[in-house]
Each structure stands twice: as C-alpha cells, then as structure tokens.
Amino acid sequence: MSYKILLFSVNRHQETYFEKLLGAIKKGDEGVSLHKRKLALRLPSLSIRKSDILLAKEVSRMRMAYFYNKTGRNDNSVRYSTRLISHIITTLYFLLRAKRFIQTEGFDLIILWNDMKWHQYVIKKIAKEINIKTIFFENGTLPNTVTFDPKGVNFNNSVPRNKQFYLDRIPEVVENFENESNADLQQGYIFIPFQVDYDSQIISHSPWLKNMEELFFTIEKQLTSLPDGLKVVIKEHPKSSRCYKHLHKKNPRIIFKNLDDTDDLIRDSKMVITINSTVGLESILKGKPVLVLGNAFYSIGGLCQRVVSEEELRQAMLKISPPNQIIKRSFYEYLKEYYVEGNWHNPTVQHIKLIEEKVYRHLEKA
C-alpha cells in the first residue's frame, strides 16, 4: 500500500523544515509540501455547507481575538462588525479552497505545525471531517526537542493528565519522597512571566484571563491578602509587541524585571504563577510551587495547582506547595520519551529518521 502525505506550512521556516522532512517519505509514497501562498492559486469548492459557515465564524472570532489582543484597539461596533464580516469571507474562501484541494488529492496524512493558528485549525477540522490522519509539530518544551503528536500541541496534546499514570511508571520507589510543606510567603517574591497576548495559548487556552493586563490587575487585587513583605516580580515576554510601561510603576509591590534572566527569577522566587507558559513547566522541574491559571498540559495533580477563578486564586496562593518529587521525576522521564530529539531549524539525518519511524508507525496504526 502506498501513502500520500501533505505537509502544510504557513511560513518560510515551517516550509524549509517540512521540505527537509520529505526525506522521511519512503520510496513509492508521495509527499507534498504546500505553503499557504500556493493554496491561494487553487480554485475553491463550489459547495458550501452549513458546517463550513459555522467553522468560518468560529475561526473568524479567533482571528478577531488575535487582532485586538495584539493591537490593544477598541473599535466601535461598526468597525468591529465590518472587520468580522471581512474575516468570515476570507476564512470561508480559504476553507473552500483547502477542502477542494484536500478532497481532490486524496491524502492519507496531513502534517501541520501547531493546531490552533487559524489556517492550521481549518485544515485540522477538514481532516477530521473527511477522516484523514493528522500529525502536529511544535517546539518541544525540553531543550533541543520537537513535538510530534497526532492529537494536537500544547493543551491539545496527547500527554496523559492523570497523576496515577506517572506513579505507575515507577513500579518500585527506592527513595522515600514526601510532599514538602506550604511555601513560606512572609518575604521574597512571586514570579509571574507575561505571555504573548495574541498567542494561541492565550486566545484559545485561557478561559478567564484574556490578556496580560487582566492578569496584572487580578494579581494586584490579591496583594491585600498577602504578607506585606511579599512582592510580585513580572517579566514581559521578549517577543510581545504590546507595551506595558503604564503598569511598571502602578504598584510599588509589583516590580518589572525585563532584563533579568528567567532561570534566575525562577530560582529565587517563592512560587510561580502562570497562565500556561512553558516557564510554568520549567519551574515545576526546578521544584518550585506553581499555580496555573489557564489550560496547560502539565496541569496535573501533584505537579502544580490549577486555578479557575479569582476567588480560587486568593485561597490557592496561601496554600501552595512544591511538586511531588515522584510524579515530577516520572513526568520528566515521560517527556524525554514523548518528544523527538533534535533541532528543527537544522535537522540531522538521525532526526529525520526518527520522524520517519514515527510517521509510518502512525500511518500503519489501525
């Protein structure tokens, strides 16, 4: 049996990597690397279903959130509606072109980078609708690794969320690990890494905090319930285009340290609070107490504490404890097996071979 595989990219870096991954396609099978700009030359499907319109509306809301989170603009209702209609039309046109192309070509597998950026999300939904297998790539959260997951990336990935799974991976515990007591918050600081407001991690996986400004004011409200000697240190994300200078001196107990090393800020903190940043996972692996305010794949009992409301946050900040050492060790070992080793910017022959093995294992799985 021969396979036909689509590697769909939306930027030059993804396209370059995927073209190198064509080397992972076996002789007799066909690999197609397609950048979104080439799809623009394709004719759209002339058949529009109700589900297509609903998907276009859903994706357009994602695009609107991206735009307003990135720009910080507050448009009036007329401008907002005009922009929304424009997004629905362009999204629907892309969807219909993609659907016709995918259905016509008869792919067995579609490979994407990320699953929540809007172009990829549309392709993912089309693949699911017509029963085509998928694989999603993303930067790994461990150094020099790449995510390879048939389900999705970040919160959508297939990493088990049950702490018992990780306890069962260590059949015989040699050392006697116990949970440490609650963190001492009388002095020192809580570290909060800002994220990119318009990243899919915030747009799609932050149910009750929509941006970093909301996070700032939510944390500020909690200060009256915390010891006077405790401060908050924030570091802005270096890739964010948003400006937060108006927050820098708003509260003397909240300090911005944008030039400090993140590892140092984690190390010297009493606890870390994050929406769902990779910094949260790094902090867990360093043994720090972590509160997670959004949807994160590492939000697992014994590793950190999930918080779903402002009221819950107030209580959790006073009762947080470090991660369970057994679960943390098991989780780390699992991640080393889960990720594919290698640098996707400069993939080696060994890296491509590992991808080939995983691709065909997935294709041949019933």
Protein backbone atom coordinates (compact mmCIF):
# COMPACT_ATOMS: atom_id res chain seq x y z
CA MET A 1 0.00 0.00 0.00
CA SER A 2 1.31 3.45 -0.92
CA TYR A 3 0.65 6.62 1.07
CA LYS A 4 0.13 10.24 0.09
CA ILE A 5 1.20 12.80 2.68
CA LEU A 6 0.59 16.57 2.80
CA LEU A 7 2.97 18.81 4.76
CA PHE A 8 1.18 22.16 5.04
CA SER A 9 3.14 25.25 6.12
CA VAL A 10 2.22 28.89 6.76
CA ASN A 11 5.68 30.49 6.94
CA ARG A 12 9.12 30.09 5.42
CA HIS A 13 10.68 28.37 8.45
CA GLN A 14 7.98 25.69 8.52
CA GLU A 15 8.24 25.24 4.76
CA THR A 16 12.01 24.75 4.97
CA TYR A 17 11.68 22.16 7.74
CA PHE A 18 8.87 20.29 6.02
CA GLU A 19 10.77 20.17 2.73
CA LYS A 20 13.62 18.51 4.62
CA LEU A 21 11.12 16.08 6.13
CA LEU A 22 10.21 14.96 2.63
CA GLY A 23 13.32 12.82 3.11
CA ALA A 24 11.31 10.84 5.64
CA ILE A 25 8.84 9.73 2.95
CA LYS A 26 9.62 6.22 1.73
CA LYS A 27 10.17 5.35 -1.90
CA GLY A 28 6.86 4.57 -3.54
CA ASP A 29 4.95 7.01 -1.33
CA GLU A 30 4.26 10.63 -2.21
CA GLY A 31 4.99 13.66 -0.06
CA VAL A 32 3.60 17.09 -0.94
CA SER A 33 4.98 20.21 0.75
CA LEU A 34 2.50 23.04 0.35
CA HIS A 35 2.82 26.63 1.62
CA LYS A 36 -0.43 28.54 2.13
CA ARG A 37 0.54 31.03 -0.59
CA LYS A 38 0.39 28.21 -3.17
CA LEU A 39 -3.07 27.24 -1.98
CA ALA A 40 -4.19 30.76 -2.95
CA LEU A 41 -3.83 29.68 -6.59
CA ARG A 42 -6.30 26.82 -6.16
CA LEU A 43 -9.97 27.03 -7.05
CA PRO A 44 -12.45 26.87 -4.16
CA SER A 45 -15.15 24.27 -3.72
CA LEU A 46 -18.47 25.48 -5.08
CA SER A 47 -20.37 23.52 -2.45
CA ILE A 48 -20.89 25.42 0.81
CA ARG A 49 -22.33 23.51 3.74
CA LYS A 50 -23.75 24.91 6.96
CA SER A 51 -20.81 23.39 8.84
CA ASP A 52 -18.42 25.39 6.61
CA ILE A 53 -20.11 28.66 7.56
CA LEU A 54 -20.12 27.76 11.25
CA LEU A 55 -16.41 26.90 11.10
CA ALA A 56 -15.66 30.16 9.27
CA LYS A 57 -17.46 32.09 12.01
CA GLU A 58 -15.61 30.22 14.77
CA VAL A 59 -12.23 30.84 13.16
CA SER A 60 -13.08 34.48 12.49
CA ARG A 61 -13.68 35.01 16.20
CA MET A 62 -10.21 33.57 16.82
CA ARG A 63 -8.77 35.99 14.28
CA MET A 64 -10.61 38.91 15.88
CA ALA A 65 -9.21 37.99 19.30
CA TYR A 66 -5.73 37.85 17.80
CA PHE A 67 -6.09 41.29 16.21
CA TYR A 68 -7.47 43.06 19.26
CA ASN A 69 -5.09 41.36 21.69
CA LYS A 70 -2.14 42.32 19.50
CA THR A 71 -3.13 45.92 18.81
CA GLY A 72 -4.99 46.78 22.01
CA ARG A 73 -7.54 48.64 19.89
CA ASN A 74 -11.11 49.30 20.96
CA ASP A 75 -13.14 49.71 17.77
CA ASN A 76 -16.73 50.90 17.72
CA SER A 77 -19.48 48.44 16.78
CA VAL A 78 -19.46 49.43 13.11
CA ARG A 79 -15.71 48.92 12.68
CA TYR A 80 -15.88 45.69 14.68
CA SER A 81 -18.71 44.28 12.56
CA THR A 82 -17.01 45.30 9.31
CA ARG A 83 -13.79 43.59 10.37
CA LEU A 84 -15.66 40.47 11.47
CA ILE A 85 -17.53 40.17 8.17
CA SER A 86 -14.25 40.58 6.28
CA HIS A 87 -12.66 37.80 8.34
CA ILE A 88 -15.62 35.48 7.78
CA ILE A 89 -15.41 35.98 4.00
CA THR A 90 -11.62 35.44 3.77
CA THR A 91 -11.74 32.48 6.17
CA LEU A 92 -14.56 30.83 4.23
CA TYR A 93 -12.71 31.34 0.94
CA PHE A 94 -9.56 29.73 2.39
CA LEU A 95 -11.63 26.88 3.84
CA LEU A 96 -13.31 26.13 0.50
CA ARG A 97 -10.00 26.18 -1.40
CA ALA A 98 -8.36 23.93 1.19
CA LYS A 99 -11.27 21.49 1.26
CA ARG A 100 -11.38 21.10 -2.52
CA PHE A 101 -7.63 20.58 -2.75
CA ILE A 102 -7.52 18.03 0.08
CA GLN A 103 -10.53 16.08 -1.17
CA THR A 104 -9.24 16.05 -4.76
CA GLU A 105 -5.73 14.90 -3.86
CA GLY A 106 -6.84 12.07 -1.56
CA PHE A 107 -4.24 12.41 1.20
CA ASP A 108 -3.75 9.70 3.82
CA LEU A 109 -1.99 12.00 6.28
CA ILE A 110 -1.71 15.74 6.85
CA ILE A 111 1.22 17.21 8.78
CA LEU A 112 0.88 20.67 10.34
CA TRP A 113 2.92 22.97 12.57
CA ASN A 114 0.65 23.83 15.52
CA ASP A 115 -3.07 23.12 15.52
CA MET A 116 -4.58 26.36 16.86
CA LYS A 117 -3.28 29.00 14.45
CA TRP A 118 -6.23 29.78 12.23
CA HIS A 119 -5.01 28.30 8.93
CA GLN A 120 -3.91 25.09 10.65
CA TYR A 121 -7.11 24.94 12.67
CA VAL A 122 -9.16 25.00 9.46
CA ILE A 123 -7.05 22.23 7.91
CA LYS A 124 -7.33 20.21 11.13
CA LYS A 125 -11.12 20.47 11.05
CA ILE A 126 -11.27 19.49 7.37
CA ALA A 127 -9.06 16.47 8.04
CA LYS A 128 -11.27 15.36 10.89
CA GLU A 129 -14.43 15.79 8.80
CA ILE A 130 -13.18 13.58 5.96
CA ASN A 131 -11.31 11.14 8.22
CA ILE A 132 -7.70 11.91 7.31
CA LYS A 133 -4.99 11.22 9.88
CA THR A 134 -3.02 14.16 11.23
CA ILE A 135 0.30 14.87 12.90
CA PHE A 136 1.12 18.16 14.60
CA PHE A 137 4.58 19.61 15.18
CA GLU A 138 5.67 22.33 17.59
CA ASN A 139 8.72 23.35 19.59
CA GLY A 140 9.31 20.90 22.43
CA THR A 141 9.25 22.20 26.00
CA LEU A 142 12.54 20.41 26.73
CA PRO A 143 15.78 21.74 25.19
CA ASN A 144 16.59 20.58 21.66
CA THR A 145 13.29 18.74 21.15
CA VAL A 146 10.33 18.82 18.78
CA THR A 147 6.70 17.91 19.48
CA PHE A 148 5.24 15.16 17.28
CA ASP A 149 1.64 14.45 18.24
CA PRO A 150 -1.33 13.02 16.31
CA LYS A 151 -3.83 14.82 18.54
CA GLY A 152 -2.50 18.39 18.83
CA VAL A 153 0.03 20.58 20.62
CA ASN A 154 0.18 22.32 24.00
CA PHE A 155 -3.08 21.73 25.89
CA ASN A 156 -4.46 19.70 22.96
CA ASN A 157 -1.62 17.18 23.01
CA SER A 158 -1.88 13.51 23.98
CA VAL A 159 0.24 13.71 27.16
CA PRO A 160 -1.65 11.82 29.93
CA ARG A 161 -3.17 14.13 32.60
CA ASN A 162 -3.78 11.50 35.30
CA LYS A 163 -1.18 11.60 38.09
CA GLN A 164 -1.68 7.86 38.68
CA PHE A 165 -0.24 7.23 35.22
CA TYR A 166 3.05 8.76 36.34
CA LEU A 167 3.05 6.98 39.69
CA ASP A 168 2.52 3.65 37.88
CA ARG A 169 5.55 4.32 35.69
CA ILE A 170 7.76 3.92 38.77
CA PRO A 171 6.93 0.38 39.96
CA GLU A 172 9.36 0.47 42.86
CA VAL A 173 10.16 3.72 44.62
CA VAL A 174 13.61 3.39 46.13
CA GLU A 175 13.69 6.79 47.77
CA ASN A 176 11.14 7.98 50.27
CA PHE A 177 9.72 11.15 48.73
CA GLU A 178 7.15 13.23 50.53
CA ASN A 179 5.40 16.48 49.67
CA GLU A 180 7.01 19.49 51.23
CA SER A 181 5.04 21.88 53.41
CA ASN A 182 3.36 25.01 52.06
CA ALA A 183 5.62 27.72 50.66
CA ASP A 184 6.77 30.40 53.13
CA LEU A 185 5.44 33.68 51.76
CA GLN A 186 6.45 36.08 54.51
CA GLN A 187 9.31 37.52 52.45
CA GLY A 188 10.64 37.31 48.90
CA TYR A 189 8.59 37.42 45.69
CA ILE A 190 6.16 35.61 43.43
CA PHE A 191 7.38 35.36 39.84
CA ILE A 192 4.88 35.90 37.02
CA PRO A 193 6.05 35.52 33.41
CA PHE A 194 3.93 37.53 30.99
CA GLN A 195 2.96 35.76 27.77
CA VAL A 196 2.15 36.99 24.27
CA ASP A 197 -1.43 38.29 24.40
CA TYR A 198 -2.17 37.23 20.85
CA ASP A 199 -0.63 33.76 21.02
CA SER A 200 -2.99 30.79 20.67
CA GLN A 201 -2.06 29.80 24.22
CA ILE A 202 -3.95 32.87 25.44
CA ILE A 203 -6.63 33.17 22.77
CA SER A 204 -7.68 29.50 22.91
CA HIS A 205 -6.45 28.21 26.28
CA SER A 206 -7.04 30.99 28.80
CA PRO A 207 -10.72 30.79 29.76
CA TRP A 208 -10.94 33.53 32.38
CA LEU A 209 -7.98 35.86 31.73
CA LYS A 210 -7.93 37.34 28.24
CA ASN A 211 -4.64 39.23 28.31
CA MET A 212 -1.67 40.22 30.46
CA GLU A 213 -3.29 43.42 31.66
CA GLU A 214 -6.15 41.40 33.14
CA LEU A 215 -3.57 39.15 34.78
CA PHE A 216 -1.79 42.17 36.29
CA PHE A 217 -4.93 43.64 37.85
CA THR A 218 -6.11 40.23 39.08
CA ILE A 219 -2.82 39.68 40.89
CA GLU A 220 -2.81 43.24 42.22
CA LYS A 221 -6.15 42.61 43.94
CA GLN A 222 -4.64 39.67 45.84
CA LEU A 223 -1.85 41.71 47.42
CA THR A 224 -4.01 42.89 50.32
CA SER A 225 -4.45 39.24 51.36
CA LEU A 226 -0.72 38.50 51.26
CA PRO A 227 2.05 39.33 53.79
CA ASP A 228 3.42 42.88 53.47
CA GLY A 229 6.95 41.58 52.90
CA LEU A 230 5.95 39.65 49.79
CA LYS A 231 6.33 41.24 46.35
CA VAL A 232 5.49 40.28 42.79
CA VAL A 233 8.09 40.22 40.01
CA ILE A 234 6.92 40.28 36.40
CA LYS A 235 8.96 39.70 33.27
CA GLU A 236 7.40 40.66 29.94
CA HIS A 237 7.65 38.25 27.04
CA PRO A 238 10.52 39.36 24.76
CA LYS A 239 8.52 38.58 21.61
CA SER A 240 5.41 40.52 22.57
CA SER A 241 4.66 43.71 20.63
CA ARG A 242 2.41 45.04 23.41
CA CYS A 243 3.69 47.82 25.67
CA TYR A 244 3.07 47.66 29.42
CA LYS A 245 5.01 50.72 30.57
CA HIS A 246 1.83 52.17 32.05
CA LEU A 247 1.88 49.26 34.54
CA HIS A 248 5.54 49.49 35.52
CA LYS A 249 5.11 51.89 38.43
CA LYS A 250 1.46 51.39 39.20
CA ASN A 251 2.05 49.42 42.40
CA PRO A 252 5.28 49.51 44.45
CA ARG A 253 4.86 45.83 45.36
CA ILE A 254 4.82 44.79 41.70
CA ILE A 255 8.23 45.06 40.04
CA PHE A 256 9.05 44.54 36.36
CA LYS A 257 12.41 42.88 35.68
CA ASN A 258 12.53 42.51 31.92
CA LEU A 259 16.32 42.34 31.71
CA ASP A 260 16.82 39.64 34.35
CA ASP A 261 17.48 36.03 33.41
CA THR A 262 14.33 33.90 33.62
CA ASP A 263 16.15 30.98 35.25
CA ASP A 264 17.41 33.30 38.00
CA LEU A 265 13.94 34.71 38.54
CA ILE A 266 12.52 31.20 38.89
CA ARG A 267 15.31 30.07 41.21
CA ASP A 268 14.97 32.95 43.66
CA SER A 269 11.17 33.06 43.73
CA LYS A 270 8.85 31.68 46.40
CA MET A 271 6.37 30.49 43.80
CA VAL A 272 5.48 30.97 40.13
CA ILE A 273 2.09 31.95 38.77
CA THR A 274 1.42 31.49 35.06
CA ILE A 275 -1.50 31.19 32.69
CA ASN A 276 0.06 28.31 30.74
CA SER A 277 3.60 29.38 29.86
CA THR A 278 6.45 26.95 29.29
CA VAL A 279 8.04 28.81 32.22
CA GLY A 280 5.48 27.06 34.40
CA LEU A 281 6.81 23.66 33.38
CA GLU A 282 10.41 24.83 33.81
CA SER A 283 9.51 25.99 37.32
CA ILE A 284 7.92 22.64 38.19
CA LEU A 285 11.02 20.77 37.02
CA LYS A 286 13.08 23.10 39.24
CA GLY A 287 10.89 22.12 42.20
CA LYS A 288 9.02 25.43 42.55
CA PRO A 289 5.37 25.71 43.65
CA VAL A 290 3.32 26.65 40.58
CA LEU A 291 -0.21 27.98 40.12
CA VAL A 292 -1.67 27.53 36.63
CA LEU A 293 -4.48 29.92 35.68
CA GLY A 294 -5.26 28.56 32.22
CA ASN A 295 -5.29 25.29 30.30
CA ALA A 296 -1.86 23.65 30.37
CA PHE A 297 -0.92 20.09 29.51
CA TYR A 298 1.33 19.95 32.59
CA SER A 299 -1.52 20.95 34.92
CA ILE A 300 -1.54 17.59 36.68
CA GLY A 301 -2.30 16.84 40.30
CA GLY A 302 0.93 16.56 42.25
CA LEU A 303 2.86 18.78 39.84
CA CYS A 304 1.07 22.10 40.26
CA GLN A 305 -2.30 23.55 41.18
CA ARG A 306 -4.92 24.63 38.65
CA VAL A 307 -6.90 27.79 39.43
CA VAL A 308 -10.16 28.53 37.61
CA SER A 309 -11.34 31.77 39.21
CA GLU A 310 -10.19 34.85 41.08
CA GLU A 311 -11.67 33.62 44.35
CA GLU A 312 -9.89 30.30 44.00
CA LEU A 313 -6.63 32.13 43.27
CA ARG A 314 -6.80 34.01 46.58
CA GLN A 315 -7.08 30.76 48.53
CA ALA A 316 -4.54 28.84 46.45
CA MET A 317 -1.79 31.45 46.88
CA LEU A 318 -1.76 30.86 50.63
CA LYS A 319 -1.77 27.05 50.43
CA ILE A 320 0.53 26.25 47.52
CA SER A 321 3.23 23.59 47.97
CA PRO A 322 6.08 22.33 45.75
CA PRO A 323 5.55 19.48 43.26
CA ASN A 324 5.56 15.88 44.40
CA GLN A 325 9.07 14.62 43.66
CA ILE A 326 7.98 11.15 42.47
CA ILE A 327 5.43 12.50 40.00
CA LYS A 328 7.82 15.21 38.84
CA ARG A 329 10.59 12.70 38.12
CA SER A 330 8.22 10.34 36.30
CA PHE A 331 6.70 13.18 34.27
CA TYR A 332 10.13 14.40 33.21
CA GLU A 333 11.17 10.91 32.12
CA TYR A 334 7.94 10.57 30.15
CA LEU A 335 8.54 13.88 28.34
CA LYS A 336 12.01 12.71 27.30
CA GLU A 337 10.33 9.75 25.59
CA TYR A 338 7.43 11.79 24.20
CA TYR A 339 9.46 14.45 22.37
CA VAL A 340 11.60 13.87 19.29
CA GLU A 341 15.19 14.83 19.91
CA GLY A 342 16.70 17.35 17.52
CA ASN A 343 16.76 20.94 16.34
CA TRP A 344 14.10 21.54 13.71
CA HIS A 345 15.97 24.59 12.39
CA ASN A 346 18.87 22.31 11.49
CA PRO A 347 17.56 18.73 11.44
CA THR A 348 20.12 15.94 11.29
CA VAL A 349 19.82 12.69 9.37
CA GLN A 350 19.11 10.96 12.69
CA HIS A 351 16.28 13.41 13.47
CA ILE A 352 14.65 12.82 10.07
CA LYS A 353 15.00 9.06 10.58
CA LEU A 354 13.21 9.32 13.94
CA ILE A 355 10.41 11.30 12.27
CA GLU A 356 10.15 8.69 9.52
CA GLU A 357 9.73 5.89 12.06
CA LYS A 358 7.01 7.78 13.94
CA VAL A 359 5.18 8.84 10.77
CA TYR A 360 4.89 5.30 9.46
CA ARG A 361 4.03 3.88 12.85
CA HIS A 362 1.13 6.34 12.93
CA LEU A 363 0.07 5.58 9.35
CA GLU A 364 0.05 1.84 9.93
CA LYS A 365 -1.84 2.11 13.21
CA ALA A 366 -5.44 0.94 12.84
